[in-house]
Amino acid sequence: MRVSADYDLCQGHAMCEVEAPEVFAYDKDTNQVRILDSHPDESRRPEVAAAVKYCPTMALAIED
């Protein structure tokens, strides 16, 4: 699994950090998501999928 972010869409809502804090963080300097682990373990798929689902701007994606 690979996680990616479209920084043209990200508006810094930080919902991803709420859903998967080990994978995503809010970067105060850029007001956007920072991916902490671009290849998280498969065991994290449910929380990463929730982060992708609940992103208000649909800026996140999971690639298999």
C-alpha atoms as a PDB file:
ATOM      1  CA  MET A   1       0.000   0.000   0.000  1.00  0.00           C
ATOM      2  CA  ARG A   2       1.243   3.465  -0.876  1.00  0.00           C
ATOM      3  CA  VAL A   3      -0.345   6.693   0.389  1.00  0.00           C
ATOM      4  CA  SER A   4      -0.244   9.899  -1.619  1.00  0.00           C
ATOM      5  CA  ALA A   5      -1.555  13.441  -1.281  1.00  0.00           C
ATOM      6  CA  ASP A   6      -2.525  15.992  -3.892  1.00  0.00           C
ATOM      7  CA  TYR A   7      -1.155  19.208  -2.419  1.00  0.00           C
ATOM      8  CA  ASP A   8      -3.104  21.303  -4.924  1.00  0.00           C
ATOM      9  CA  LEU A   9      -6.291  20.029  -3.259  1.00  0.00           C
ATOM     10  CA  CYS A  10      -5.195  19.864   0.400  1.00  0.00           C
ATOM     11  CA  GLN A  11      -6.570  22.723   2.509  1.00  0.00           C
ATOM     12  CA  GLY A  12      -5.237  21.602   5.890  1.00  0.00           C
ATOM     13  CA  HIS A  13      -8.453  20.377   7.505  1.00  0.00           C
ATOM     14  CA  ALA A  14      -6.364  17.718   9.352  1.00  0.00           C
ATOM     15  CA  MET A  15      -9.094  15.069   9.294  1.00  0.00           C
ATOM     16  CA  CYS A  16      -6.461  12.607   8.103  1.00  0.00           C
ATOM     17  CA  GLU A  17      -4.405  13.191  11.232  1.00  0.00           C
ATOM     18  CA  VAL A  18      -7.475  12.485  13.375  1.00  0.00           C
ATOM     19  CA  GLU A  19      -8.129   9.192  11.555  1.00  0.00           C
ATOM     20  CA  ALA A  20      -4.535   7.962  11.153  1.00  0.00           C
ATOM     21  CA  PRO A  21      -2.092   9.941  13.318  1.00  0.00           C
ATOM     22  CA  GLU A  22       0.761   7.473  12.751  1.00  0.00           C
ATOM     23  CA  VAL A  23       0.535   8.066   8.989  1.00  0.00           C
ATOM     24  CA  PHE A  24      -0.497  11.733   8.633  1.00  0.00           C
ATOM     25  CA  ALA A  25       0.367  14.973  10.417  1.00  0.00           C
ATOM     26  CA  TYR A  26      -0.745  18.552  10.024  1.00  0.00           C
ATOM     27  CA  ASP A  27       2.118  20.831   9.037  1.00  0.00           C
ATOM     28  CA  LYS A  28       1.586  24.302  10.545  1.00  0.00           C
ATOM     29  CA  ASP A  29       4.172  25.856   8.258  1.00  0.00           C
ATOM     30  CA  THR A  30       2.478  24.811   5.024  1.00  0.00           C
ATOM     31  CA  ASN A  31      -1.089  24.459   6.362  1.00  0.00           C
ATOM     32  CA  GLN A  32      -1.211  21.060   4.648  1.00  0.00           C
ATOM     33  CA  VAL A  33      -0.889  17.378   5.379  1.00  0.00           C
ATOM     34  CA  ARG A  34       2.506  15.804   5.848  1.00  0.00           C
ATOM     35  CA  ILE A  35       2.748  12.086   5.135  1.00  0.00           C
ATOM     36  CA  LEU A  36       4.744  10.462   7.917  1.00  0.00           C
ATOM     37  CA  ASP A  37       4.696   6.978   6.397  1.00  0.00           C
ATOM     38  CA  SER A  38       4.074   6.728   2.650  1.00  0.00           C
ATOM     39  CA  HIS A  39       4.132   2.917   2.775  1.00  0.00           C
ATOM     40  CA  PRO A  40       2.255   2.029   5.972  1.00  0.00           C
ATOM     41  CA  ASP A  41       1.858  -1.549   7.086  1.00  0.00           C
ATOM     42  CA  GLU A  42      -1.206  -3.358   5.762  1.00  0.00           C
ATOM     43  CA  SER A  43      -2.568  -3.504   9.322  1.00  0.00           C
ATOM     44  CA  ARG A  44      -3.118   0.274   9.108  1.00  0.00           C
ATOM     45  CA  ARG A  45      -5.342   0.018   6.014  1.00  0.00           C
ATOM     46  CA  PRO A  46      -8.665   0.588   7.879  1.00  0.00           C
ATOM     47  CA  GLU A  47      -7.508   3.840   9.474  1.00  0.00           C
ATOM     48  CA  VAL A  48      -5.790   5.052   6.293  1.00  0.00           C
ATOM     49  CA  ALA A  49      -8.922   4.232   4.280  1.00  0.00           C
ATOM     50  CA  ALA A  50     -10.975   6.262   6.773  1.00  0.00           C
ATOM     51  CA  ALA A  51      -8.584   9.193   6.372  1.00  0.00           C
ATOM     52  CA  VAL A  52      -8.961   9.015   2.589  1.00  0.00           C
ATOM     53  CA  LYS A  53     -12.752   8.698   2.856  1.00  0.00           C
ATOM     54  CA  TYR A  54     -13.207  11.611   5.258  1.00  0.00           C
ATOM     55  CA  CYS A  55     -10.799  14.054   3.589  1.00  0.00           C
ATOM     56  CA  PRO A  56     -13.079  17.033   2.805  1.00  0.00           C
ATOM     57  CA  THR A  57     -11.189  17.912  -0.377  1.00  0.00           C
ATOM     58  CA  MET A  58     -10.460  14.333  -1.505  1.00  0.00           C
ATOM     59  CA  ALA A  59      -6.745  15.107  -1.543  1.00  0.00           C
ATOM     60  CA  LEU A  60      -5.600  11.657  -0.368  1.00  0.00           C
ATOM     61  CA  ALA A  61      -5.301   8.343  -2.168  1.00  0.00           C
ATOM     62  CA  ILE A  62      -4.288   4.773  -1.522  1.00  0.00           C
ATOM     63  CA  GLU A  63      -2.419   3.013  -4.295  1.00  0.00           C
ATOM     64  CA  ASP A  64      -1.938  -0.763  -4.138  1.00  0.00           C
END
